[in-house]
Amino acid sequence: MNQVLTRKFLAKGLAVAVTTLMMGTVAHAETQEQKEIKQLRQEVEALKALVTQQQQVQQNQAVQIEQVKAAPQPSAAAPKALSTKSDTEVKLYGFVRGDANYIIEGSAGDFSDVAKTNGQTRDKLVATAKTTRLGLDFKTSVNGAEVGGKLESDFAGTNDSFRIRQAYLTYENWLIGQTQSNFLSNHAPFMIDFSTNVGGGTTRLPMVRYGFDLTPATQLFLAAEKPNSSAEDIKSSVPTLTAKLAHNFDDKKGNASARALVEVYKDEDVNKRKAGWGLAAGTTYQVIDPLKATLDVSYTKGVNGILYGTNANAAFVDDEGNRNIEQNEIWAVQTGLTYSILPNLKTSLGYGALFADKDSDYADLNPTANKEVQQAWLNLVYSPVKPLEFGIEYVNGERKTFNNEKFKDNRIGLMSKYSF
């Protein structure tokens, strides 16, 4: 009996112990799980706080970036090169340039002169530094109005003398002084040769010019310029009038222009007057990022002092009979492509020409004048560092007179330039 009771007691005791142990284990397990859950919750809350903090930092950075974009940017202009008594900003610019030309056949000058070549110079090397240029730009404000000016010189005057290229002042929309004729364009293909190309020009004349905006992208320039056409016994007593309409394309890839010119001259011996005039239009356009194209066409009648290549085609006075002023009629064209092979390496292919009316009275009276002048060129320019440029160019030109004489001007040019 005692053994039975003892066994029952032990069984109950063991059951109670097991139950107690299991309940303790469960309680312990629940307590551990709760701790882990609590820890995970804390880590999640910490992660949320970190994400919120990072988002706030990004928002602050975005605001700062927008503020920087909206703030006025500092001017990239160079500091004043010179000081003046008045509060005038003065900027010095220019370049040191050297040129060498090997004349295969043509004119004897330092640069091409195909409109006057006689083809007698052959196998000759010439070199010069006369194209070295110095310039000053001036700018100030007077009573709220912007006043500016330019003084630019080089050494390409007579016998390589120092000369003034441009000298003018500007006041709001007005320009007074010497600069490039308003009839000329900026649609010329790039050319190393300093004499510029047939069909274009760089003639700089004293003038008074007024310009104003027709639209934000279109400007009109009107000018009264010093007369520049010349012929024996002919004089001009009134300014040459020019107009230029310039338009910038909306895509900012180029521009176009239309120009007009009228001048009046007279033969004082017989007191006869005649008007010369011209019309022109052209465009420059960035076809694709590395490729730029230019085209310009001009027509002139009795005008010989603006476009290069027409200076040997003056208005002509017939000394026999009625002494009429006969005028030369000329079509001129310049076109080309400039391709940027690399950011510091570019090449240009260009063509320029003028064609005179061979059936005019001028042609009959002036058989040695130019009937056709044509020129083509190919160049390569390399810039190892920004201020330096080195270039090579081949120029092939020919002129033909009304009596069908032909003369060539072929040469290879080398150029080095340091800009400042």
Protein backbone atom coordinates (compact mmCIF):
# COMPACT_ATOMS: atom_id res chain seq x y z
CA MET A 1 0.00 0.00 0.00
CA ASN A 2 2.74 2.37 0.92
CA GLN A 3 4.53 1.56 -2.25
CA VAL A 4 1.41 2.33 -4.25
CA LEU A 5 0.99 5.66 -2.46
CA THR A 6 4.62 6.44 -2.89
CA ARG A 7 4.38 5.78 -6.62
CA LYS A 8 1.28 7.90 -6.96
CA PHE A 9 2.93 10.69 -5.04
CA LEU A 10 6.04 10.51 -7.13
CA ALA A 11 3.97 10.48 -10.33
CA LYS A 12 2.00 13.54 -9.22
CA GLY A 13 5.16 15.28 -8.11
CA LEU A 14 6.84 14.55 -11.38
CA ALA A 15 3.81 15.82 -13.27
CA VAL A 16 3.75 19.00 -11.24
CA ALA A 17 7.49 19.47 -11.79
CA VAL A 18 7.19 18.91 -15.50
CA THR A 19 4.23 21.24 -15.74
CA THR A 20 6.06 23.88 -13.71
CA LEU A 21 9.15 23.49 -15.85
CA MET A 22 7.13 23.78 -19.07
CA MET A 23 5.29 26.84 -17.85
CA GLY A 24 8.58 28.43 -16.87
CA THR A 25 10.08 27.62 -20.25
CA VAL A 26 7.07 29.08 -22.05
CA ALA A 27 7.16 32.17 -19.89
CA HIS A 28 10.85 32.52 -20.54
CA ALA A 29 10.34 32.05 -24.29
CA GLU A 30 7.58 34.64 -24.35
CA THR A 31 9.76 37.09 -22.46
CA GLN A 32 12.70 36.59 -24.88
CA GLU A 33 10.45 36.98 -27.95
CA GLN A 34 9.01 40.19 -26.58
CA LYS A 35 12.50 41.55 -26.02
CA GLU A 36 13.48 40.74 -29.60
CA ILE A 37 10.28 42.31 -30.97
CA LYS A 38 10.89 45.40 -28.87
CA GLN A 39 14.46 45.62 -30.13
CA LEU A 40 13.30 45.24 -33.73
CA ARG A 41 10.74 47.98 -33.23
CA GLN A 42 13.45 50.26 -31.85
CA GLU A 43 15.69 49.53 -34.81
CA VAL A 44 12.80 50.21 -37.23
CA GLU A 45 12.07 53.52 -35.51
CA ALA A 46 15.77 54.44 -35.68
CA LEU A 47 15.84 53.56 -39.39
CA LYS A 48 12.73 55.67 -40.00
CA ALA A 49 14.38 58.61 -38.23
CA LEU A 50 17.51 58.17 -40.34
CA VAL A 51 15.49 58.09 -43.60
CA THR A 52 13.57 61.20 -42.55
CA GLN A 53 16.82 62.98 -41.72
CA GLN A 54 18.32 62.01 -45.10
CA GLN A 55 15.23 63.27 -46.93
CA GLN A 56 15.49 66.58 -45.12
CA VAL A 57 19.17 66.89 -46.08
CA GLN A 58 18.31 66.21 -49.75
CA GLN A 59 15.52 68.79 -49.66
CA ASN A 60 17.88 71.37 -48.16
CA GLN A 61 20.48 70.61 -50.84
CA ALA A 62 17.87 70.97 -53.61
CA VAL A 63 16.83 74.36 -52.22
CA GLN A 64 20.47 75.48 -52.06
CA ILE A 65 21.07 74.36 -55.67
CA GLU A 66 18.04 76.33 -56.89
CA GLN A 67 19.23 79.38 -54.95
CA VAL A 68 22.65 79.15 -56.57
CA LYS A 69 21.07 78.84 -60.03
CA ALA A 70 18.84 81.84 -59.38
CA ALA A 71 21.63 83.98 -57.99
CA PRO A 72 23.44 86.35 -60.45
CA GLN A 73 26.52 84.63 -61.84
CA PRO A 74 29.85 86.44 -61.58
CA SER A 75 31.00 87.98 -64.84
CA ALA A 76 33.54 85.98 -66.81
CA ALA A 77 35.03 89.18 -68.20
CA ALA A 78 38.67 89.79 -67.52
CA PRO A 79 39.57 92.39 -64.88
CA LYS A 80 40.30 95.90 -65.99
CA ALA A 81 43.54 95.95 -67.94
CA LEU A 82 44.05 99.68 -67.54
CA SER A 83 42.87 102.40 -65.17
CA THR A 84 41.37 105.71 -66.31
CA LYS A 85 40.49 108.98 -64.62
CA SER A 86 36.82 108.28 -65.20
CA ASP A 87 35.11 105.11 -64.02
CA THR A 88 35.58 103.35 -67.36
CA GLU A 89 36.02 99.62 -67.83
CA VAL A 90 38.90 98.99 -70.23
CA LYS A 91 39.65 95.61 -71.75
CA LEU A 92 42.87 94.86 -73.61
CA TYR A 93 42.81 92.16 -76.29
CA GLY A 94 44.70 91.07 -79.37
CA PHE A 95 47.16 88.52 -80.62
CA VAL A 96 50.72 88.03 -81.76
CA ARG A 97 50.71 86.37 -85.17
CA GLY A 98 53.30 85.19 -87.64
CA ASP A 99 52.64 84.09 -91.25
CA ALA A 100 54.72 82.41 -93.93
CA ASN A 101 53.55 81.86 -97.51
CA TYR A 102 55.13 79.77 -100.20
CA ILE A 103 54.04 81.26 -103.54
CA ILE A 104 53.71 78.51 -106.12
CA GLU A 105 52.51 80.98 -108.74
CA GLY A 106 50.81 84.32 -108.35
CA SER A 107 51.06 87.75 -106.77
CA ALA A 108 54.23 88.76 -104.94
CA GLY A 109 52.63 90.01 -101.73
CA ASP A 110 52.67 88.48 -98.27
CA PHE A 111 49.13 87.25 -98.85
CA SER A 112 46.93 86.29 -101.76
CA ASP A 113 45.85 89.07 -104.12
CA VAL A 114 44.14 87.02 -106.79
CA ALA A 115 42.09 89.97 -108.10
CA LYS A 116 45.32 91.69 -109.20
CA THR A 117 47.68 88.79 -109.84
CA ASN A 118 49.76 88.70 -113.01
CA GLY A 119 51.08 85.20 -112.31
CA GLN A 120 54.71 86.27 -112.71
CA THR A 121 55.91 85.43 -109.17
CA ARG A 122 56.89 81.77 -108.79
CA ASP A 123 58.66 79.59 -106.23
CA LYS A 124 59.03 82.29 -103.58
CA LEU A 125 58.83 82.23 -99.77
CA VAL A 126 57.60 85.30 -97.88
CA ALA A 127 57.05 85.81 -94.15
CA THR A 128 55.62 88.56 -91.97
CA ALA A 129 54.34 89.40 -88.49
CA LYS A 130 52.44 92.52 -89.59
CA THR A 131 49.02 91.06 -88.79
CA THR A 132 49.80 91.21 -85.05
CA ARG A 133 46.88 93.07 -83.49
CA LEU A 134 46.23 95.25 -80.44
CA GLY A 135 42.81 96.39 -79.30
CA LEU A 136 41.07 98.22 -76.48
CA ASP A 137 37.37 98.01 -75.65
CA PHE A 138 35.87 100.76 -73.49
CA LYS A 139 32.61 100.70 -71.53
CA THR A 140 31.03 102.95 -68.94
CA SER A 141 27.65 104.29 -67.83
CA VAL A 142 26.75 107.99 -68.03
CA ASN A 143 23.45 109.08 -66.46
CA GLY A 144 22.09 105.58 -66.91
CA ALA A 145 23.08 105.38 -70.60
CA GLU A 146 25.73 102.92 -71.79
CA VAL A 147 28.71 104.51 -73.53
CA GLY A 148 31.43 102.44 -75.18
CA GLY A 149 34.13 102.45 -77.78
CA LYS A 150 36.84 100.50 -79.55
CA LEU A 151 40.38 101.24 -80.69
CA GLU A 152 42.03 98.49 -82.75
CA SER A 153 45.31 98.54 -84.66
CA ASP A 154 47.80 96.31 -86.42
CA PHE A 155 50.99 96.67 -88.46
CA ALA A 156 49.54 96.00 -91.92
CA GLY A 157 49.59 99.59 -93.16
CA THR A 158 51.69 100.91 -96.02
CA ASN A 159 55.21 99.44 -95.80
CA ASP A 160 54.12 97.44 -92.72
CA SER A 161 53.36 100.61 -90.78
CA PHE A 162 51.21 100.82 -87.67
CA ARG A 163 47.62 101.61 -88.66
CA ILE A 164 44.16 102.05 -87.19
CA ARG A 165 41.77 99.24 -88.16
CA GLN A 166 38.78 100.33 -86.10
CA ALA A 167 38.15 103.39 -83.96
CA TYR A 168 34.64 104.28 -82.86
CA LEU A 169 32.41 105.24 -79.96
CA THR A 170 28.94 103.96 -79.16
CA TYR A 171 26.12 105.71 -77.31
CA GLU A 172 23.02 103.61 -76.76
CA ASN A 173 21.97 102.68 -80.34
CA TRP A 174 24.45 104.98 -82.11
CA LEU A 175 27.91 104.22 -83.49
CA ILE A 176 30.23 106.98 -84.73
CA GLY A 177 33.67 106.25 -86.13
CA GLN A 178 35.45 103.74 -88.35
CA THR A 179 34.43 100.10 -88.56
CA GLN A 180 33.44 97.48 -91.14
CA SER A 181 30.98 98.65 -93.77
CA ASN A 182 27.35 98.00 -92.92
CA PHE A 183 26.95 96.40 -96.38
CA LEU A 184 29.30 93.54 -95.50
CA SER A 185 28.29 90.33 -93.76
CA ASN A 186 29.69 87.89 -91.21
CA HIS A 187 28.82 84.92 -93.43
CA ALA A 188 32.35 84.32 -94.68
CA PRO A 189 33.91 80.83 -94.53
CA PHE A 190 36.91 80.66 -92.21
CA MET A 191 40.14 81.57 -94.00
CA ILE A 192 43.70 81.88 -92.67
CA ASP A 193 44.89 84.16 -95.48
CA PHE A 194 44.79 87.71 -94.12
CA SER A 195 43.67 89.35 -97.38
CA THR A 196 40.22 87.71 -96.98
CA ASN A 197 38.43 85.87 -99.75
CA VAL A 198 36.87 86.77 -103.08
CA GLY A 199 33.16 87.48 -102.75
CA GLY A 200 33.47 88.91 -99.24
CA GLY A 201 35.23 91.84 -97.70
CA THR A 202 36.52 93.59 -94.60
CA THR A 203 36.43 97.21 -95.83
CA ARG A 204 36.37 99.54 -92.80
CA LEU A 205 35.02 103.07 -93.32
CA PRO A 206 34.19 106.17 -91.25
CA MET A 207 30.44 106.21 -90.65
CA VAL A 208 27.48 107.16 -88.52
CA ARG A 209 25.28 104.14 -87.80
CA TYR A 210 22.02 103.67 -85.94
CA GLY A 211 20.64 100.28 -84.95
CA PHE A 212 17.43 99.19 -83.25
CA ASP A 213 15.45 96.02 -82.54
CA LEU A 214 12.46 95.21 -84.72
CA THR A 215 11.87 92.05 -82.66
CA PRO A 216 13.97 90.39 -79.95
CA ALA A 217 15.67 88.35 -82.70
CA THR A 218 15.76 90.90 -85.53
CA GLN A 219 17.76 94.13 -85.76
CA LEU A 220 17.92 96.89 -88.38
CA PHE A 221 21.09 98.96 -88.91
CA LEU A 222 21.12 102.14 -90.99
CA ALA A 223 24.37 103.94 -91.82
CA ALA A 224 25.83 106.90 -93.69
CA GLU A 225 29.36 105.92 -94.74
CA LYS A 226 32.32 107.57 -96.40
CA PRO A 227 32.15 106.98 -100.21
CA ASN A 228 34.74 104.46 -101.29
CA SER A 229 34.22 103.78 -105.01
CA SER A 230 36.79 105.41 -107.25
CA ALA A 231 37.53 106.14 -110.88
CA GLU A 232 39.36 108.80 -112.83
CA ASP A 233 37.69 112.25 -112.68
CA ILE A 234 34.82 110.93 -110.55
CA LYS A 235 34.03 112.34 -107.13
CA SER A 236 31.38 111.77 -104.49
CA SER A 237 29.85 114.65 -102.56
CA VAL A 238 27.27 112.78 -100.44
CA PRO A 239 27.63 109.81 -98.07
CA THR A 240 27.02 106.25 -99.16
CA LEU A 241 23.81 104.96 -97.57
CA THR A 242 23.62 101.37 -96.35
CA ALA A 243 21.07 99.22 -94.54
CA LYS A 244 21.36 95.80 -92.92
CA LEU A 245 18.60 93.56 -91.59
CA ALA A 246 20.04 90.90 -89.26
CA HIS A 247 18.06 87.98 -87.81
CA ASN A 248 19.05 85.31 -85.29
CA PHE A 249 17.31 81.96 -85.72
CA ASP A 250 15.06 80.76 -82.90
CA ASP A 251 17.06 77.53 -82.48
CA LYS A 252 20.19 79.63 -81.84
CA LYS A 253 22.09 77.70 -84.48
CA GLY A 254 22.75 80.57 -86.84
CA ASN A 255 21.74 83.88 -88.35
CA ALA A 256 20.85 85.54 -91.62
CA SER A 257 21.11 89.03 -93.08
CA ALA A 258 19.92 91.15 -95.99
CA ARG A 259 21.80 94.30 -97.00
CA ALA A 260 21.50 97.23 -99.38
CA LEU A 261 23.75 100.08 -100.56
CA VAL A 262 23.27 103.27 -102.59
CA GLU A 263 25.94 105.80 -103.56
CA VAL A 264 26.01 108.78 -105.91
CA TYR A 265 29.03 110.16 -107.76
CA LYS A 266 29.59 112.59 -110.58
CA ASP A 267 32.00 113.59 -113.33
CA GLU A 268 32.79 117.20 -112.48
CA ASP A 269 34.03 118.02 -116.01
CA VAL A 270 30.58 117.53 -117.55
CA ASN A 271 28.60 117.72 -114.29
CA LYS A 272 26.96 114.34 -114.79
CA ARG A 273 25.81 112.18 -111.90
CA LYS A 274 25.11 108.51 -111.58
CA ALA A 275 24.04 106.19 -108.78
CA GLY A 276 25.73 102.94 -107.86
CA TRP A 277 23.90 100.38 -105.79
CA GLY A 278 24.07 96.89 -104.37
CA LEU A 279 21.99 94.16 -102.77
CA ALA A 280 23.18 91.16 -100.73
CA ALA A 281 21.90 88.33 -98.55
CA GLY A 282 23.49 85.48 -96.64
CA THR A 283 23.25 83.01 -93.82
CA THR A 284 25.37 81.06 -91.33
CA TYR A 285 23.99 77.85 -89.85
CA GLN A 286 25.24 75.11 -87.53
CA VAL A 287 24.03 72.09 -89.51
CA ILE A 288 25.13 69.66 -86.79
CA ASP A 289 27.22 70.30 -83.69
CA PRO A 290 30.62 69.98 -85.41
CA LEU A 291 29.60 71.35 -88.85
CA LYS A 292 28.92 75.00 -89.75
CA ALA A 293 27.85 76.15 -93.23
CA THR A 294 27.95 79.66 -94.72
CA LEU A 295 26.55 81.19 -97.90
CA ASP A 296 26.47 84.80 -99.08
CA VAL A 297 25.50 86.34 -102.43
CA SER A 298 25.95 89.97 -103.54
CA TYR A 299 25.06 92.02 -106.61
CA THR A 300 26.60 95.42 -107.25
CA LYS A 301 26.37 97.91 -110.10
CA GLY A 302 28.93 100.71 -110.28
CA VAL A 303 30.30 99.87 -106.81
CA ASN A 304 33.97 98.95 -106.57
CA GLY A 305 35.20 99.84 -103.08
CA ILE A 306 33.38 97.45 -100.75
CA LEU A 307 33.74 93.82 -101.84
CA TYR A 308 37.23 92.35 -102.18
CA GLY A 309 38.03 91.54 -105.78
CA THR A 310 36.08 94.44 -107.28
CA ASN A 311 38.79 97.03 -106.68
CA ALA A 312 40.16 96.46 -110.18
CA ASN A 313 36.71 97.13 -111.66
CA ALA A 314 36.07 100.84 -111.16
CA ALA A 315 33.22 102.77 -112.65
CA PHE A 316 34.60 104.01 -115.97
CA VAL A 317 34.46 107.35 -117.76
CA ASP A 318 34.57 107.29 -121.57
CA ASP A 319 36.88 110.10 -122.67
CA GLU A 320 35.58 109.90 -126.19
CA GLY A 321 32.27 111.12 -127.46
CA ASN A 322 29.69 111.84 -124.79
CA ARG A 323 31.82 111.04 -121.72
CA ASN A 324 29.26 108.73 -120.17
CA ILE A 325 29.90 107.08 -116.83
CA GLU A 326 29.84 103.35 -117.57
CA GLN A 327 29.25 101.00 -114.66
CA ASN A 328 30.49 97.50 -114.05
CA GLU A 329 27.89 94.91 -112.95
CA ILE A 330 29.08 92.10 -110.69
CA TRP A 331 27.64 89.00 -109.03
CA ALA A 332 29.70 87.75 -106.07
CA VAL A 333 29.40 84.62 -103.96
CA GLN A 334 31.18 83.13 -100.96
CA THR A 335 30.37 79.78 -99.39
CA GLY A 336 32.03 77.10 -97.30
CA LEU A 337 31.99 74.51 -94.54
CA THR A 338 33.88 74.43 -91.25
CA TYR A 339 34.10 71.09 -89.43
CA SER A 340 35.38 70.59 -85.87
CA ILE A 341 37.24 67.29 -86.00
CA LEU A 342 38.13 67.62 -82.31
CA PRO A 343 37.50 70.42 -79.81
CA ASN A 344 40.97 71.75 -80.64
CA LEU A 345 41.20 70.77 -84.31
CA LYS A 346 39.09 72.18 -87.16
CA THR A 347 39.15 72.30 -90.94
CA SER A 348 37.46 74.57 -93.49
CA LEU A 349 36.71 74.25 -97.18
CA GLY A 350 35.73 77.45 -98.96
CA TYR A 351 34.93 78.97 -102.34
CA GLY A 352 34.58 82.57 -103.43
CA ALA A 353 33.99 84.14 -106.83
CA LEU A 354 32.84 87.21 -108.70
CA PHE A 355 31.42 87.34 -112.21
CA ALA A 356 31.17 90.57 -114.19
CA ASP A 357 28.75 91.29 -117.04
CA LYS A 358 30.82 90.66 -120.17
CA ASP A 359 28.20 92.26 -122.44
CA SER A 360 28.16 95.69 -120.76
CA ASP A 361 29.53 98.93 -122.23
CA TYR A 362 31.99 98.92 -119.36
CA ALA A 363 33.42 95.60 -120.60
CA ASP A 364 33.83 96.96 -124.14
CA LEU A 365 35.67 100.04 -122.89
CA ASN A 366 37.81 98.27 -120.29
CA PRO A 367 39.05 94.96 -121.79
CA THR A 368 41.83 94.42 -119.21
CA ALA A 369 39.43 94.55 -116.24
CA ASN A 370 38.33 91.37 -114.47
CA LYS A 371 35.58 89.30 -116.03
CA GLU A 372 35.91 86.44 -113.52
CA VAL A 373 37.83 85.98 -110.27
CA GLN A 374 37.61 82.63 -108.49
CA GLN A 375 39.27 81.21 -105.41
CA ALA A 376 39.09 77.97 -103.41
CA TRP A 377 40.90 77.06 -100.21
CA LEU A 378 41.35 74.26 -97.69
CA ASN A 379 42.87 74.69 -94.24
CA LEU A 380 43.55 72.93 -90.96
CA VAL A 381 43.92 74.71 -87.60
CA TYR A 382 45.20 73.06 -84.42
CA SER A 383 45.15 74.54 -80.91
CA PRO A 384 47.33 72.54 -78.48
CA VAL A 385 46.33 74.90 -75.64
CA LYS A 386 43.71 77.65 -75.62
CA PRO A 387 45.88 80.75 -76.36
CA LEU A 388 47.85 79.06 -79.18
CA GLU A 389 46.80 78.25 -82.74
CA PHE A 390 48.76 76.77 -85.62
CA GLY A 391 47.35 76.53 -89.13
CA ILE A 392 48.14 75.47 -92.67
CA GLU A 393 46.17 76.43 -95.78
CA TYR A 394 46.25 75.85 -99.52
CA VAL A 395 44.73 78.59 -101.71
CA ASN A 396 44.04 78.14 -105.44
CA GLY A 397 42.91 81.24 -107.35
CA GLU A 398 42.49 82.49 -110.90
CA ARG A 399 41.39 85.69 -112.58
CA LYS A 400 40.26 86.17 -116.15
CA THR A 401 39.96 89.50 -117.98
CA PHE A 402 37.37 90.58 -120.52
CA ASN A 403 39.90 89.89 -123.28
CA ASN A 404 40.25 86.33 -121.87
CA GLU A 405 43.73 86.59 -120.37
CA LYS A 406 44.18 84.23 -117.41
CA PHE A 407 46.41 84.61 -114.34
CA LYS A 408 46.81 82.26 -111.36
CA ASP A 409 47.50 82.74 -107.67
CA ASN A 410 48.34 79.46 -105.90
CA ARG A 411 50.08 79.34 -102.54
CA ILE A 412 50.54 77.44 -99.28
CA GLY A 413 50.31 79.44 -96.07
CA LEU A 414 51.44 78.72 -92.50
CA MET A 415 50.16 80.60 -89.46
CA SER A 416 50.99 80.72 -85.75
CA LYS A 417 49.03 82.87 -83.29
CA TYR A 418 49.02 83.62 -79.58
CA SER A 419 45.81 85.34 -78.46
CA PHE A 420 45.45 87.39 -75.30
